[in-house]
């Protein structure tokens, strides 16, 4: 016996509902929601310390060298780039 169009759509809706129930809840709604507040805190601390976000595009090879050197640096990439820029500009 063939199904009518309405019955086919109903079965599709049930399948979709089951898939949605089985899906994992994204972090922004679950336990990871508290991470957004941590980012805000970090931004306010950085602003209080006089740090300003600065983005630029660099060649991949240069970034690789920076990451290798930053592994040995105490402050990480941020401290290394700040030191190199101060040395280069000063």
Protein backbone atom coordinates (compact mmCIF):
# COMPACT_ATOMS: atom_id res chain seq x y z
CA UNK A 1 0.00 0.00 0.00
CA UNK A 2 1.42 3.39 -0.97
CA UNK A 3 1.59 6.28 1.45
CA UNK A 4 -0.09 9.59 0.86
CA UNK A 5 1.97 12.78 0.61
CA UNK A 6 0.91 13.88 4.12
CA UNK A 7 2.03 10.57 5.62
CA UNK A 8 5.41 10.79 3.86
CA UNK A 9 5.97 14.29 5.22
CA UNK A 10 4.95 13.16 8.69
CA UNK A 11 7.52 10.33 8.59
CA UNK A 12 10.20 12.79 7.40
CA UNK A 13 9.34 15.14 10.28
CA UNK A 14 9.65 12.29 12.78
CA UNK A 15 13.08 11.38 11.38
CA UNK A 16 14.26 14.98 11.64
CA UNK A 17 12.93 15.22 15.20
CA UNK A 18 14.85 12.09 16.15
CA UNK A 19 18.04 13.45 14.59
CA UNK A 20 17.66 16.72 16.48
CA UNK A 21 17.19 14.90 19.79
CA UNK A 22 20.30 12.81 19.16
CA UNK A 23 22.43 15.82 18.17
CA UNK A 24 24.97 17.24 20.60
CA UNK A 25 24.15 20.59 22.20
CA UNK A 26 26.60 23.30 21.03
CA UNK A 27 28.95 24.71 23.67
CA UNK A 28 27.47 28.18 23.41
CA UNK A 29 24.30 26.83 25.07
CA UNK A 30 25.85 24.27 27.40
CA UNK A 31 28.86 24.16 29.71
CA UNK A 32 31.01 26.20 27.30
CA UNK A 33 28.74 29.24 27.72
CA UNK A 34 30.85 30.43 30.64
CA UNK A 35 33.91 30.79 28.36
CA UNK A 36 32.45 33.95 26.83
CA UNK A 37 32.62 35.68 30.21
CA UNK A 38 36.26 34.62 30.54
CA UNK A 39 37.05 36.28 27.22
CA UNK A 40 35.40 39.49 28.42
CA UNK A 41 37.44 39.38 31.61
CA UNK A 42 40.63 38.86 29.64
CA UNK A 43 39.80 41.81 27.38
CA UNK A 44 39.21 44.10 30.35
CA UNK A 45 42.48 42.96 31.98
CA UNK A 46 44.36 43.54 28.71
CA UNK A 47 42.79 46.99 28.32
CA UNK A 48 43.74 47.87 31.91
CA UNK A 49 47.32 46.80 31.16
CA UNK A 50 47.34 49.06 28.09
CA UNK A 51 47.27 46.21 25.59
CA UNK A 52 45.45 46.72 22.29
CA UNK A 53 44.49 43.95 19.85
CA UNK A 54 46.46 44.22 16.61
CA UNK A 55 45.87 41.90 13.67
CA UNK A 56 47.91 41.59 10.49
CA UNK A 57 48.54 39.03 7.78
CA UNK A 58 51.96 37.40 7.66
CA UNK A 59 53.55 34.79 5.41
CA UNK A 60 53.13 31.23 6.67
CA UNK A 61 56.90 30.65 6.94
CA UNK A 62 57.32 33.72 9.15
CA UNK A 63 54.47 32.60 11.41
CA UNK A 64 56.09 29.17 11.71
CA UNK A 65 59.37 30.79 12.80
CA UNK A 66 57.54 33.01 15.28
CA UNK A 67 55.75 30.02 16.82
CA UNK A 68 59.02 28.09 17.13
CA UNK A 69 60.73 30.98 18.89
CA UNK A 70 57.68 31.68 21.05
CA UNK A 71 57.80 28.15 22.45
CA UNK A 72 61.02 29.12 24.25
CA UNK A 73 59.73 32.59 25.21
CA UNK A 74 58.08 33.02 28.61
CA UNK A 75 55.27 35.33 27.44
CA UNK A 76 54.47 33.34 24.32
CA UNK A 77 53.80 34.81 20.89
CA UNK A 78 52.51 38.13 22.26
CA UNK A 79 55.67 38.86 24.24
CA UNK A 80 57.92 37.75 21.38
CA UNK A 81 56.18 39.92 18.79
CA UNK A 82 56.16 42.90 21.16
CA UNK A 83 59.91 42.50 21.79
CA UNK A 84 60.71 42.11 18.08
CA UNK A 85 58.60 45.14 17.14
CA UNK A 86 60.18 47.26 19.89
CA UNK A 87 63.64 46.20 18.74
CA UNK A 88 62.81 46.86 15.10
CA UNK A 89 61.19 50.23 15.67
CA UNK A 90 63.57 51.42 18.38
